[in-house]
N, C-alpha and C. Protein backbone atom coordinates (compact mmCIF):
# COMPACT_ATOMS: atom_id res chain seq x y z
N MET A 1 121.48 224.73 67.26
CA MET A 1 120.63 224.88 68.60
C MET A 1 121.37 223.96 69.48
N SER A 2 121.53 224.32 70.67
CA SER A 2 122.09 223.64 71.72
C SER A 2 120.82 223.29 72.71
N SER A 3 120.99 222.03 73.41
CA SER A 3 119.97 221.57 74.52
C SER A 3 120.58 221.88 75.78
N ASN A 4 119.65 222.41 76.73
CA ASN A 4 120.01 222.48 77.94
C ASN A 4 119.57 221.41 78.92
N ILE A 5 119.19 220.23 78.35
CA ILE A 5 118.76 219.18 79.06
C ILE A 5 119.93 218.31 79.97
N ASN A 6 119.57 217.88 81.01
CA ASN A 6 120.49 217.19 81.90
C ASN A 6 119.58 215.98 82.28
N ILE A 7 119.94 214.64 81.98
CA ILE A 7 119.26 213.55 82.20
C ILE A 7 120.07 212.64 83.18
N GLN A 8 119.55 212.22 84.20
CA GLN A 8 120.04 211.17 85.10
C GLN A 8 120.40 209.81 84.41
N ARG A 9 121.46 209.40 84.18
CA ARG A 9 121.67 208.03 83.47
C ARG A 9 122.69 207.24 84.26
N ILE A 10 122.90 205.90 83.98
CA ILE A 10 123.68 205.09 84.77
C ILE A 10 124.71 204.34 83.67
N CYS A 11 126.05 204.65 83.90
CA CYS A 11 126.96 204.09 82.94
C CYS A 11 126.78 202.69 82.71
N GLU A 12 126.76 202.32 81.52
CA GLU A 12 126.63 200.86 81.06
C GLU A 12 128.11 199.90 81.38
N HIS A 13 129.18 200.56 81.59
CA HIS A 13 130.38 199.98 81.88
C HIS A 13 130.61 199.93 83.47
N CYS A 14 130.57 201.09 84.02
CA CYS A 14 131.02 201.16 85.51
C CYS A 14 129.88 201.09 86.57
N VAL A 15 128.55 201.18 85.91
CA VAL A 15 127.31 201.22 86.76
C VAL A 15 127.23 202.38 87.72
N LYS A 16 127.87 203.50 87.33
CA LYS A 16 127.67 204.62 88.21
C LYS A 16 126.67 205.73 87.60
N PRO A 17 126.06 206.37 88.40
CA PRO A 17 125.17 207.37 87.71
C PRO A 17 126.05 208.71 87.46
N PHE A 18 125.49 209.34 86.28
CA PHE A 18 126.03 210.43 85.78
C PHE A 18 124.94 211.41 85.08
N ARG A 19 125.28 212.54 84.79
CA ARG A 19 124.35 213.48 83.99
C ARG A 19 124.90 213.52 82.69
N ALA A 20 123.74 213.19 81.91
CA ALA A 20 123.87 213.14 80.47
C ALA A 20 123.26 214.46 79.76
N LYS A 21 124.13 214.92 78.67
CA LYS A 21 123.32 216.09 78.07
C LYS A 21 122.39 215.67 76.82
N THR A 22 122.63 214.35 76.61
CA THR A 22 121.61 213.67 75.47
C THR A 22 121.04 212.67 75.80
N THR A 23 119.82 212.26 75.16
CA THR A 23 119.07 211.04 75.55
C THR A 23 119.79 209.81 75.21
N VAL A 24 120.86 209.71 74.48
CA VAL A 24 121.42 208.39 73.89
C VAL A 24 122.87 208.25 74.47
N THR A 25 123.22 209.01 75.31
CA THR A 25 124.55 208.77 75.91
C THR A 25 124.52 207.47 76.87
N ARG A 26 125.48 206.61 76.59
CA ARG A 26 125.63 205.34 77.35
C ARG A 26 126.53 205.26 78.39
N PHE A 27 127.70 205.89 78.14
CA PHE A 27 128.76 205.95 79.21
C PHE A 27 129.21 207.25 79.85
N CYS A 28 129.59 207.19 80.89
CA CYS A 28 130.06 208.40 81.75
C CYS A 28 131.05 209.23 81.16
N GLY A 29 131.83 208.67 80.53
CA GLY A 29 132.97 209.31 79.72
C GLY A 29 133.82 208.55 78.80
N THR A 30 134.72 209.11 78.29
CA THR A 30 135.52 208.39 76.98
C THR A 30 136.48 207.25 77.78
N ILE A 31 136.82 207.33 78.98
CA ILE A 31 137.53 206.10 79.49
C ILE A 31 136.55 204.85 79.69
N CYS A 32 135.53 205.08 80.02
CA CYS A 32 134.38 203.99 80.06
C CYS A 32 134.04 203.53 78.86
N ASN A 33 133.90 204.48 77.96
CA ASN A 33 133.54 204.20 76.36
C ASN A 33 134.73 203.23 76.08
N GLY A 34 135.95 203.48 76.07
CA GLY A 34 137.00 202.94 75.59
C GLY A 34 137.15 201.33 76.16
N ARG A 35 137.12 201.42 77.59
CA ARG A 35 137.07 200.11 78.18
C ARG A 35 135.95 199.19 77.75
N HIS A 36 134.75 199.72 77.37
CA HIS A 36 133.78 198.79 76.99
C HIS A 36 133.90 198.28 75.74
N ALA A 37 134.56 199.18 74.72
CA ALA A 37 134.73 198.65 73.51
C ALA A 37 136.09 197.64 73.52
N LYS A 38 136.98 197.81 74.27
CA LYS A 38 138.15 196.81 74.42
C LYS A 38 137.34 195.38 75.13
N GLN A 39 136.48 195.55 75.89
CA GLN A 39 135.91 194.26 76.46
C GLN A 39 135.01 193.64 75.45
N LYS A 40 134.31 194.19 74.56
CA LYS A 40 133.75 193.59 73.55
C LYS A 40 134.65 192.88 72.50
N ILE A 41 135.76 193.49 72.22
CA ILE A 41 136.82 192.70 71.36
C ILE A 41 137.50 191.56 71.93
N ARG A 42 137.50 191.77 73.29
CA ARG A 42 138.13 190.61 73.98
C ARG A 42 137.07 189.36 74.14
N ASP A 43 135.76 189.85 74.36
CA ASP A 43 134.74 188.80 74.43
C ASP A 43 134.57 188.19 73.00
N LEU A 44 134.50 188.72 71.94
CA LEU A 44 134.60 188.19 70.52
C LEU A 44 135.82 187.29 70.50
N LYS A 45 136.89 187.55 70.64
CA LYS A 45 138.14 186.87 70.47
C LYS A 45 137.93 185.67 71.20
N ILE A 46 137.49 185.52 72.46
CA ILE A 46 137.22 184.35 73.37
C ILE A 46 136.24 183.56 72.64
N LYS A 47 135.23 184.21 72.24
CA LYS A 47 134.10 183.39 71.57
C LYS A 47 134.51 182.54 70.22
N VAL A 48 135.21 183.20 69.52
CA VAL A 48 135.88 182.70 68.31
C VAL A 48 136.62 181.48 68.68
N SER A 49 137.74 181.80 69.64
CA SER A 49 138.35 180.66 70.13
C SER A 49 137.78 179.52 70.70
N GLU A 50 136.75 179.62 71.55
CA GLU A 50 135.85 178.47 72.13
C GLU A 50 135.07 177.81 70.78
N THR A 51 134.71 178.58 69.65
CA THR A 51 134.06 177.85 68.62
C THR A 51 135.14 176.99 67.91
N GLN A 52 136.37 177.65 67.80
CA GLN A 52 137.39 176.84 67.09
C GLN A 52 137.79 175.43 67.86
N VAL A 53 137.45 175.58 69.14
CA VAL A 53 138.19 174.42 70.04
C VAL A 53 136.99 173.40 69.79
N LYS A 54 135.71 173.80 69.87
CA LYS A 54 134.78 172.80 69.75
C LYS A 54 134.66 172.12 68.47
N GLU A 55 134.89 172.85 67.40
CA GLU A 55 135.08 172.36 66.04
C GLU A 55 136.12 171.29 65.96
N ASN A 56 137.33 171.52 66.63
CA ASN A 56 138.31 170.61 66.62
C ASN A 56 138.09 169.43 67.28
N LEU A 57 137.43 169.53 68.50
CA LEU A 57 137.11 168.35 69.29
C LEU A 57 136.08 167.44 68.63
N ILE A 58 135.04 168.05 67.86
CA ILE A 58 134.28 167.47 67.11
C ILE A 58 134.73 166.66 65.97
N SER A 59 135.68 167.41 65.36
CA SER A 59 136.42 166.59 64.34
C SER A 59 137.23 165.44 64.63
N VAL A 60 137.87 165.52 65.85
CA VAL A 60 138.66 164.44 66.47
C VAL A 60 137.64 163.42 66.81
N ILE A 61 136.59 163.64 67.70
CA ILE A 61 135.69 162.54 68.04
C ILE A 61 135.04 162.04 67.02
N ASN A 62 134.75 162.63 66.05
CA ASN A 62 133.94 161.97 64.75
C ASN A 62 135.09 161.28 63.57
N HIS A 63 136.10 161.40 64.21
CA HIS A 63 137.21 160.75 63.23
C HIS A 63 136.83 159.46 62.85
N PRO A 64 136.89 158.80 61.52
CA PRO A 64 136.44 157.55 61.23
C PRO A 64 137.35 156.39 61.97
N VAL A 65 138.59 156.50 62.27
CA VAL A 65 139.40 155.66 62.92
C VAL A 65 139.79 156.19 64.04
N LEU A 66 139.01 155.56 65.25
CA LEU A 66 139.46 155.81 66.52
C LEU A 66 140.67 155.09 66.98
N LEU A 67 141.68 155.77 67.28
CA LEU A 67 143.04 154.96 67.76
C LEU A 67 142.75 154.66 69.21
N GLU A 68 143.45 153.29 69.47
CA GLU A 68 143.39 153.00 70.71
C GLU A 68 144.45 153.80 71.64
N PHE A 69 145.77 153.90 70.95
CA PHE A 69 146.71 154.84 71.43
C PHE A 69 147.12 156.09 70.64
N LEU A 70 147.46 157.29 71.30
CA LEU A 70 147.93 158.38 70.70
C LEU A 70 149.22 158.60 70.61
N THR A 71 149.89 159.23 69.42
CA THR A 71 151.21 159.62 69.53
C THR A 71 151.16 160.90 70.38
N ILE A 72 152.55 161.22 70.76
CA ILE A 72 152.72 162.38 71.33
C ILE A 72 152.09 163.63 70.77
N LYS A 73 152.36 163.70 69.54
CA LYS A 73 151.95 164.75 68.64
C LYS A 73 150.41 164.87 68.55
N GLN A 74 149.84 163.75 68.38
CA GLN A 74 148.29 163.72 68.64
C GLN A 74 147.72 163.92 69.78
N ALA A 75 148.31 163.49 70.75
CA ALA A 75 147.85 163.91 72.20
C ALA A 75 147.81 165.45 72.59
N SER A 76 149.19 165.95 72.06
CA SER A 76 149.38 167.27 72.48
C SER A 76 148.43 168.38 71.66
N LYS A 77 148.38 167.81 70.32
CA LYS A 77 147.03 168.59 69.76
C LYS A 77 145.78 168.38 70.23
N LEU A 78 145.22 167.31 70.67
CA LEU A 78 144.02 167.09 71.19
C LEU A 78 143.81 167.78 72.52
N LEU A 79 144.92 168.06 73.26
CA LEU A 79 144.81 168.58 74.67
C LEU A 79 145.14 170.13 74.54
N GLY A 80 145.71 170.56 73.44
CA GLY A 80 146.03 171.96 73.20
C GLY A 80 147.26 172.41 73.90
N ILE A 81 148.25 171.51 74.17
CA ILE A 81 149.41 171.89 74.62
C ILE A 81 150.71 171.49 73.83
N CYS A 82 151.80 172.07 74.21
CA CYS A 82 152.97 171.74 73.29
C CYS A 82 153.26 170.28 73.77
N THR A 83 154.31 169.59 72.70
CA THR A 83 154.83 168.33 72.89
C THR A 83 155.50 168.17 74.16
N LYS A 84 156.58 169.37 74.40
CA LYS A 84 157.33 169.26 75.66
C LYS A 84 156.60 169.53 76.76
N THR A 85 155.79 170.06 77.02
CA THR A 85 154.69 170.20 78.08
C THR A 85 154.18 168.55 78.42
N LEU A 86 153.63 167.97 77.36
CA LEU A 86 153.31 166.71 77.52
C LEU A 86 154.20 165.64 77.82
N TYR A 87 155.39 165.91 77.46
CA TYR A 87 156.37 164.96 78.04
C TYR A 87 156.78 165.26 79.37
N ASN A 88 156.64 166.41 79.77
CA ASN A 88 156.92 166.81 81.36
C ASN A 88 155.80 166.27 82.13
N ILE A 89 154.57 166.19 81.71
CA ILE A 89 153.43 165.73 82.36
C ILE A 89 153.64 164.09 82.32
N LEU A 90 154.06 163.61 81.29
CA LEU A 90 154.16 162.14 81.26
C LEU A 90 155.32 161.75 82.43
N GLN A 91 156.28 162.46 82.31
CA GLN A 91 157.37 162.25 83.32
C GLN A 91 157.11 162.29 84.63
N SER A 92 156.19 163.33 84.98
CA SER A 92 155.71 163.60 86.34
C SER A 92 154.86 162.42 86.90
N GLY A 93 154.18 161.76 86.05
CA GLY A 93 153.35 160.42 86.22
C GLY A 93 151.88 161.10 86.46
N LYS A 94 151.58 162.02 86.06
CA LYS A 94 150.07 162.74 86.19
C LYS A 94 149.23 162.04 85.16
N ILE A 95 149.91 161.66 83.80
CA ILE A 95 149.32 160.90 82.78
C ILE A 95 149.94 159.70 82.69
N LYS A 96 149.33 158.55 82.55
CA LYS A 96 150.17 157.18 82.25
C LYS A 96 150.41 157.03 80.68
N GLY A 97 151.37 156.70 80.40
CA GLY A 97 151.58 156.28 78.87
C GLY A 97 152.66 155.37 78.66
N GLU A 98 152.70 154.87 77.36
CA GLU A 98 153.63 153.95 77.28
C GLU A 98 154.47 154.07 76.16
N ALA A 99 155.82 153.61 76.17
CA ALA A 99 156.79 153.88 75.05
C ALA A 99 156.44 153.08 73.93
N PRO A 100 156.71 153.70 72.87
CA PRO A 100 156.32 153.11 71.45
C PRO A 100 157.18 151.75 71.38
N ARG A 101 156.50 150.81 70.70
CA ARG A 101 157.11 149.51 70.49
C ARG A 101 157.61 149.37 69.08
N ASP A 102 158.77 148.68 68.78
CA ASP A 102 159.27 148.52 67.51
C ASP A 102 158.72 147.08 67.26
N GLU A 103 158.25 146.94 66.00
CA GLU A 103 157.58 145.84 65.47
C GLU A 103 158.51 145.38 64.35
């Protein structure tokens, strides 16, 4: 049995009105449906990434031995950048740093 109903709905992705043939239709077409699904995946990946960054920062902050100075490798890991980028920032003078001393 087919239904002859037409319901005025608003697309959850593009927020444009459309005519739905069922009461559970959420999107105006397959394009909006696909875009919404991809956006959900992107949002989930961003949320996972933010959670990992927070966990890394907490583990660094709660480290039993807080160092007065960081090595290039430690600083780059803490800032989330590669060591070459950190060397470039140090050379430009945006961050002050000291050369390691031989003891």
